Amino acid sequence: MPAIMAMGKISWDKEDLAEVERLLRQGCEFLDDKDCWLSNVAHTIYIRGHSYSEAAGLYETVVRKYSDRV
């Protein structure tokens, strides 16, 4: 996960959000249960204006994990 996030940060700083999304999606097979990965993918999709419903679904996955604790 650190390698994907580091590569994504480089593209993020260059404002190449399509590349950030592509990099993050490469890790979905291994990282789809990690909250950090889920929220970063959701942020990227939301900021791109690409698919708000997909971003909301990813955010919802993280929120539901912790809704029991409140």
PDB file of N, CA and C in Angstrom:
ATOM      1  N   MET A   1       0.819  -1.193   0.000  1.00  0.00           N
ATOM      2  CA  MET A   1       0.000   0.000   0.000  1.00  0.00           C
ATOM      3  C   MET A   1       0.864   1.258   0.000  1.00  0.00           C
ATOM      4  N   PRO A   2       1.959   1.309   0.755  1.00  0.00           N
ATOM      5  CA  PRO A   2       2.755   2.540   0.735  1.00  0.00           C
ATOM      6  C   PRO A   2       3.281   2.899  -0.658  1.00  0.00           C
ATOM      7  N   ALA A   3       3.639   1.902  -1.449  1.00  0.00           N
ATOM      8  CA  ALA A   3       4.161   2.190  -2.789  1.00  0.00           C
ATOM      9  C   ALA A   3       3.082   2.802  -3.682  1.00  0.00           C
ATOM     10  N   ILE A   4       1.894   2.231  -3.647  1.00  0.00           N
ATOM     11  CA  ILE A   4       0.796   2.772  -4.468  1.00  0.00           C
ATOM     12  C   ILE A   4       0.444   4.183  -4.018  1.00  0.00           C
ATOM     13  N   MET A   5       0.396   4.397  -2.711  1.00  0.00           N
ATOM     14  CA  MET A   5       0.067   5.728  -2.190  1.00  0.00           C
ATOM     15  C   MET A   5       1.153   6.742  -2.555  1.00  0.00           C
ATOM     16  N   ALA A   6       2.413   6.334  -2.514  1.00  0.00           N
ATOM     17  CA  ALA A   6       3.508   7.245  -2.874  1.00  0.00           C
ATOM     18  C   ALA A   6       3.443   7.615  -4.353  1.00  0.00           C
ATOM     19  N   MET A   7       3.200   6.639  -5.211  1.00  0.00           N
ATOM     20  CA  MET A   7       3.074   6.932  -6.641  1.00  0.00           C
ATOM     21  C   MET A   7       1.858   7.814  -6.900  1.00  0.00           C
ATOM     22  N   GLY A   8       0.771   7.551  -6.181  1.00  0.00           N
ATOM     23  CA  GLY A   8      -0.424   8.383  -6.314  1.00  0.00           C
ATOM     24  C   GLY A   8      -0.177   9.815  -5.882  1.00  0.00           C
ATOM     25  N   LYS A   9       0.613   9.994  -4.834  1.00  0.00           N
ATOM     26  CA  LYS A   9       0.935  11.344  -4.334  1.00  0.00           C
ATOM     27  C   LYS A   9       1.691  12.150  -5.386  1.00  0.00           C
ATOM     28  N   ILE A  10       2.602  11.492  -6.084  1.00  0.00           N
ATOM     29  CA  ILE A  10       3.354  12.182  -7.143  1.00  0.00           C
ATOM     30  C   ILE A  10       2.397  12.678  -8.223  1.00  0.00           C
ATOM     31  N   SER A  11       1.491  11.809  -8.656  1.00  0.00           N
ATOM     32  CA  SER A  11       0.514  12.206  -9.674  1.00  0.00           C
ATOM     33  C   SER A  11      -0.459  13.244  -9.139  1.00  0.00           C
ATOM     34  N   TRP A  12      -0.830  13.131  -7.861  1.00  0.00           N
ATOM     35  CA  TRP A  12      -1.733  14.101  -7.231  1.00  0.00           C
ATOM     36  C   TRP A  12      -1.108  15.485  -7.261  1.00  0.00           C
ATOM     37  N   ASP A  13       0.181  15.563  -6.918  1.00  0.00           N
ATOM     38  CA  ASP A  13       0.882  16.846  -6.923  1.00  0.00           C
ATOM     39  C   ASP A  13       0.968  17.446  -8.325  1.00  0.00           C
ATOM     40  N   LYS A  14       0.988  16.609  -9.336  1.00  0.00           N
ATOM     41  CA  LYS A  14       0.994  17.066 -10.729  1.00  0.00           C
ATOM     42  C   LYS A  14      -0.416  17.369 -11.224  1.00  0.00           C
ATOM     43  N   GLU A  15      -1.409  17.147 -10.354  1.00  0.00           N
ATOM     44  CA  GLU A  15      -2.822  17.342 -10.662  1.00  0.00           C
ATOM     45  C   GLU A  15      -3.295  16.443 -11.800  1.00  0.00           C
ATOM     46  N   ASP A  16      -2.717  15.247 -11.876  1.00  0.00           N
ATOM     47  CA  ASP A  16      -3.119  14.242 -12.862  1.00  0.00           C
ATOM     48  C   ASP A  16      -4.021  13.233 -12.151  1.00  0.00           C
ATOM     49  N   LEU A  17      -5.261  13.637 -11.927  1.00  0.00           N
ATOM     50  CA  LEU A  17      -6.190  12.822 -11.154  1.00  0.00           C
ATOM     51  C   LEU A  17      -6.576  11.535 -11.871  1.00  0.00           C
ATOM     52  N   ALA A  18      -6.571  11.538 -13.182  1.00  0.00           N
ATOM     53  CA  ALA A  18      -6.867  10.304 -13.920  1.00  0.00           C
ATOM     54  C   ALA A  18      -5.797   9.253 -13.617  1.00  0.00           C
ATOM     55  N   GLU A  19      -4.552   9.664 -13.552  1.00  0.00           N
ATOM     56  CA  GLU A  19      -3.458   8.746 -13.227  1.00  0.00           C
ATOM     57  C   GLU A  19      -3.554   8.269 -11.778  1.00  0.00           C
ATOM     58  N   VAL A  20      -3.937   9.158 -10.878  1.00  0.00           N
ATOM     59  CA  VAL A  20      -4.119   8.767  -9.476  1.00  0.00           C
ATOM     60  C   VAL A  20      -5.187   7.678  -9.385  1.00  0.00           C
ATOM     61  N   GLU A  21      -6.300   7.904 -10.047  1.00  0.00           N
ATOM     62  CA  GLU A  21      -7.377   6.912 -10.023  1.00  0.00           C
ATOM     63  C   GLU A  21      -6.911   5.583 -10.612  1.00  0.00           C
ATOM     64  N   ARG A  22      -6.187   5.634 -11.728  1.00  0.00           N
ATOM     65  CA  ARG A  22      -5.685   4.418 -12.360  1.00  0.00           C
ATOM     66  C   ARG A  22      -4.762   3.650 -11.410  1.00  0.00           C
ATOM     67  N   LEU A  23      -3.855   4.365 -10.763  1.00  0.00           N
ATOM     68  CA  LEU A  23      -2.934   3.722  -9.818  1.00  0.00           C
ATOM     69  C   LEU A  23      -3.677   3.093  -8.643  1.00  0.00           C
ATOM     70  N   LEU A  24      -4.612   3.836  -8.086  1.00  0.00           N
ATOM     71  CA  LEU A  24      -5.346   3.325  -6.936  1.00  0.00           C
ATOM     72  C   LEU A  24      -6.191   2.106  -7.308  1.00  0.00           C
ATOM     73  N   ARG A  25      -6.771   2.123  -8.478  1.00  0.00           N
ATOM     74  CA  ARG A  25      -7.593   0.992  -8.911  1.00  0.00           C
ATOM     75  C   ARG A  25      -6.755  -0.265  -9.148  1.00  0.00           C
ATOM     76  N   GLN A  26      -5.476  -0.094  -9.442  1.00  0.00           N
ATOM     77  CA  GLN A  26      -4.601  -1.249  -9.611  1.00  0.00           C
ATOM     78  C   GLN A  26      -4.494  -2.047  -8.313  1.00  0.00           C
ATOM     79  N   GLY A  27      -4.626  -1.366  -7.202  1.00  0.00           N
ATOM     80  CA  GLY A  27      -4.495  -2.032  -5.914  1.00  0.00           C
ATOM     81  C   GLY A  27      -5.779  -2.602  -5.358  1.00  0.00           C
ATOM     82  N   CYS A  28      -6.879  -2.491  -6.087  1.00  0.00           N
ATOM     83  CA  CYS A  28      -8.174  -2.903  -5.526  1.00  0.00           C
ATOM     84  C   CYS A  28      -8.220  -4.380  -5.152  1.00  0.00           C
ATOM     85  N   GLU A  29      -7.510  -5.215  -5.868  1.00  0.00           N
ATOM     86  CA  GLU A  29      -7.526  -6.644  -5.572  1.00  0.00           C
ATOM     87  C   GLU A  29      -6.946  -6.943  -4.185  1.00  0.00           C
ATOM     88  N   PHE A  30      -5.953  -6.154  -3.792  1.00  0.00           N
ATOM     89  CA  PHE A  30      -5.261  -6.411  -2.535  1.00  0.00           C
ATOM     90  C   PHE A  30      -5.662  -5.475  -1.399  1.00  0.00           C
ATOM     91  N   LEU A  31      -6.197  -4.320  -1.760  1.00  0.00           N
ATOM     92  CA  LEU A  31      -6.415  -3.272  -0.757  1.00  0.00           C
ATOM     93  C   LEU A  31      -7.869  -2.922  -0.518  1.00  0.00           C
ATOM     94  N   ASP A  32      -8.806  -3.636  -1.119  1.00  0.00           N
ATOM     95  CA  ASP A  32     -10.206  -3.230  -1.037  1.00  0.00           C
ATOM     96  C   ASP A  32     -10.800  -3.309   0.367  1.00  0.00           C
ATOM     97  N   ASP A  33     -10.066  -3.863   1.317  1.00  0.00           N
ATOM     98  CA  ASP A  33     -10.555  -3.896   2.697  1.00  0.00           C
ATOM     99  C   ASP A  33      -9.873  -2.851   3.579  1.00  0.00           C
ATOM    100  N   LYS A  34      -9.016  -2.042   3.008  1.00  0.00           N
ATOM    101  CA  LYS A  34      -8.277  -1.011   3.760  1.00  0.00           C
ATOM    102  C   LYS A  34      -9.015   0.319   3.685  1.00  0.00           C
ATOM    103  N   ASP A  35      -9.330   0.879   4.850  1.00  0.00           N
ATOM    104  CA  ASP A  35     -10.080   2.135   4.904  1.00  0.00           C
ATOM    105  C   ASP A  35      -9.347   3.282   4.213  1.00  0.00           C
ATOM    106  N   CYS A  36      -8.036   3.341   4.398  1.00  0.00           N
ATOM    107  CA  CYS A  36      -7.237   4.408   3.784  1.00  0.00           C
ATOM    108  C   CYS A  36      -7.351   4.347   2.264  1.00  0.00           C
ATOM    109  N   TRP A  37      -7.241   3.161   1.711  1.00  0.00           N
ATOM    110  CA  TRP A  37      -7.338   2.997   0.269  1.00  0.00           C
ATOM    111  C   TRP A  37      -8.738   3.373  -0.219  1.00  0.00           C
ATOM    112  N   LEU A  38      -9.765   2.877   0.478  1.00  0.00           N
ATOM    113  CA  LEU A  38     -11.145   3.173   0.086  1.00  0.00           C
ATOM    114  C   LEU A  38     -11.420   4.671   0.071  1.00  0.00           C
ATOM    115  N   SER A  39     -10.984   5.358   1.118  1.00  0.00           N
ATOM    116  CA  SER A  39     -11.264   6.798   1.180  1.00  0.00           C
ATOM    117  C   SER A  39     -10.467   7.573   0.130  1.00  0.00           C
ATOM    118  N   ASN A  40      -9.247   7.155  -0.157  1.00  0.00           N
ATOM    119  CA  ASN A  40      -8.468   7.833  -1.194  1.00  0.00           C
ATOM    120  C   ASN A  40      -9.067   7.636  -2.582  1.00  0.00           C
ATOM    121  N   VAL A  41      -9.533   6.436  -2.873  1.00  0.00           N
ATOM    122  CA  VAL A  41     -10.195   6.205  -4.159  1.00  0.00           C
ATOM    123  C   VAL A  41     -11.470   7.043  -4.231  1.00  0.00           C
ATOM    124  N   ALA A  42     -12.246   7.044  -3.156  1.00  0.00           N
ATOM    125  CA  ALA A  42     -13.484   7.832  -3.128  1.00  0.00           C
ATOM    126  C   ALA A  42     -13.200   9.320  -3.331  1.00  0.00           C
ATOM    127  N   HIS A  43     -12.185   9.844  -2.653  1.00  0.00           N
ATOM    128  CA  HIS A  43     -11.823  11.263  -2.815  1.00  0.00           C
ATOM    129  C   HIS A  43     -11.474  11.564  -4.271  1.00  0.00           C
ATOM    130  N   THR A  44     -10.661  10.705  -4.853  1.00  0.00           N
ATOM    131  CA  THR A  44     -10.218  10.931  -6.230  1.00  0.00           C
ATOM    132  C   THR A  44     -11.390  10.907  -7.200  1.00  0.00           C
ATOM    133  N   ILE A  45     -12.259   9.932  -7.059  1.00  0.00           N
ATOM    134  CA  ILE A  45     -13.424   9.826  -7.949  1.00  0.00           C
ATOM    135  C   ILE A  45     -14.333  11.031  -7.760  1.00  0.00           C
ATOM    136  N   TYR A  46     -14.546  11.436  -6.510  1.00  0.00           N
ATOM    137  CA  TYR A  46     -15.408  12.582  -6.223  1.00  0.00           C
ATOM    138  C   TYR A  46     -14.834  13.870  -6.814  1.00  0.00           C
ATOM    139  N   ILE A  47     -13.550  14.100  -6.600  1.00  0.00           N
ATOM    140  CA  ILE A  47     -12.932  15.340  -7.088  1.00  0.00           C
ATOM    141  C   ILE A  47     -12.948  15.402  -8.614  1.00  0.00           C
ATOM    142  N   ARG A  48     -12.763  14.268  -9.256  1.00  0.00           N
ATOM    143  CA  ARG A  48     -12.809  14.239 -10.721  1.00  0.00           C
ATOM    144  C   ARG A  48     -14.214  14.500 -11.237  1.00  0.00           C
ATOM    145  N   GLY A  49     -15.229  14.346 -10.389  1.00  0.00           N
ATOM    146  CA  GLY A  49     -16.611  14.527 -10.831  1.00  0.00           C
ATOM    147  C   GLY A  49     -17.040  13.403 -11.744  1.00  0.00           C
ATOM    148  N   HIS A  50     -16.343  12.318 -11.622  1.00  0.00           N
ATOM    149  CA  HIS A  50     -16.454  11.181 -12.523  1.00  0.00           C
ATOM    150  C   HIS A  50     -17.719  10.361 -12.241  1.00  0.00           C
ATOM    151  N   SER A  51     -17.929  10.024 -10.981  1.00  0.00           N
ATOM    152  CA  SER A  51     -19.096   9.221 -10.614  1.00  0.00           C
ATOM    153  C   SER A  51     -19.382   9.424  -9.136  1.00  0.00           C
ATOM    154  N   TYR A  52     -20.269  10.358  -8.858  1.00  0.00           N
ATOM    155  CA  TYR A  52     -20.573  10.655  -7.458  1.00  0.00           C
ATOM    156  C   TYR A  52     -21.185   9.463  -6.735  1.00  0.00           C
ATOM    157  N   SER A  53     -21.977   8.685  -7.443  1.00  0.00           N
ATOM    158  CA  SER A  53     -22.604   7.530  -6.788  1.00  0.00           C
ATOM    159  C   SER A  53     -21.565   6.475  -6.421  1.00  0.00           C
ATOM    160  N   GLU A  54     -20.571   6.275  -7.261  1.00  0.00           N
ATOM    161  CA  GLU A  54     -19.504   5.327  -6.937  1.00  0.00           C
ATOM    162  C   GLU A  54     -18.698   5.815  -5.732  1.00  0.00           C
ATOM    163  N   ALA A  55     -18.375   7.109  -5.712  1.00  0.00           N
ATOM    164  CA  ALA A  55     -17.637   7.688  -4.583  1.00  0.00           C
ATOM    165  C   ALA A  55     -18.451   7.545  -3.303  1.00  0.00           C
ATOM    166  N   ALA A  56     -19.734   7.826  -3.374  1.00  0.00           N
ATOM    167  CA  ALA A  56     -20.594   7.710  -2.190  1.00  0.00           C
ATOM    168  C   ALA A  56     -20.627   6.280  -1.678  1.00  0.00           C
ATOM    169  N   GLY A  57     -20.663   5.317  -2.576  1.00  0.00           N
ATOM    170  CA  GLY A  57     -20.658   3.915  -2.172  1.00  0.00           C
ATOM    171  C   GLY A  57     -19.379   3.533  -1.442  1.00  0.00           C
ATOM    172  N   LEU A  58     -18.252   4.052  -1.917  1.00  0.00           N
ATOM    173  CA  LEU A  58     -16.975   3.771  -1.253  1.00  0.00           C
ATOM    174  C   LEU A  58     -16.923   4.431   0.127  1.00  0.00           C
ATOM    175  N   TYR A  59     -17.366   5.689   0.189  1.00  0.00           N
ATOM    176  CA  TYR A  59     -17.421   6.367   1.494  1.00  0.00           C
ATOM    177  C   TYR A  59     -18.331   5.602   2.453  1.00  0.00           C
ATOM    178  N   GLU A  60     -19.468   5.164   1.938  1.00  0.00           N
ATOM    179  CA  GLU A  60     -20.445   4.462   2.771  1.00  0.00           C
ATOM    180  C   GLU A  60     -19.855   3.182   3.365  1.00  0.00           C
ATOM    181  N   THR A  61     -19.036   2.491   2.601  1.00  0.00           N
ATOM    182  CA  THR A  61     -18.386   1.274   3.096  1.00  0.00           C
ATOM    183  C   THR A  61     -17.559   1.562   4.337  1.00  0.00           C
ATOM    184  N   VAL A  62     -16.825   2.650   4.313  1.00  0.00           N
ATOM    185  CA  VAL A  62     -15.990   3.017   5.461  1.00  0.00           C
ATOM    186  C   VAL A  62     -16.854   3.475   6.627  1.00  0.00           C
ATOM    187  N   VAL A  63     -17.851   4.294   6.362  1.00  0.00           N
ATOM    188  CA  VAL A  63     -18.707   4.826   7.421  1.00  0.00           C
ATOM    189  C   VAL A  63     -19.467   3.713   8.129  1.00  0.00           C
ATOM    190  N   ARG A  64     -19.962   2.747   7.371  1.00  0.00           N
ATOM    191  CA  ARG A  64     -20.720   1.640   7.987  1.00  0.00           C
ATOM    192  C   ARG A  64     -19.867   0.809   8.938  1.00  0.00           C
ATOM    193  N   LYS A  65     -18.578   0.683   8.646  1.00  0.00           N
ATOM    194  CA  LYS A  65     -17.683  -0.073   9.533  1.00  0.00           C
ATOM    195  C   LYS A  65     -17.655   0.523  10.932  1.00  0.00           C
ATOM    196  N   TYR A  66     -17.754   1.841  11.011  1.00  0.00           N
ATOM    197  CA  TYR A  66     -17.580   2.530  12.278  1.00  0.00           C
ATOM    198  C   TYR A  66     -18.866   3.084  12.851  1.00  0.00           C
ATOM    199  N   SER A  67     -19.998   2.886  12.195  1.00  0.00           N
ATOM    200  CA  SER A  67     -21.255   3.444  12.685  1.00  0.00           C
ATOM    201  C   SER A  67     -21.718   2.757  13.982  1.00  0.00           C
ATOM    202  N   ASP A  68     -21.277   1.542  14.211  1.00  0.00           N
ATOM    203  CA  ASP A  68     -21.634   0.835  15.433  1.00  0.00           C
ATOM    204  C   ASP A  68     -20.977   1.445  16.670  1.00  0.00           C
ATOM    205  N   ARG A  69     -19.883   2.117  16.482  1.00  0.00           N
ATOM    206  CA  ARG A  69     -19.088   2.641  17.592  1.00  0.00           C
ATOM    207  C   ARG A  69     -19.617   3.944  18.172  1.00  0.00           C
ATOM    208  N   VAL A  70     -20.540   4.571  17.491  1.00  0.00           N
ATOM    209  CA  VAL A  70     -21.026   5.881  17.942  1.00  0.00           C
ATOM    210  C   VAL A  70     -22.165   5.700  18.914  1.00  0.00           C
TER     211      VAL A  70
END
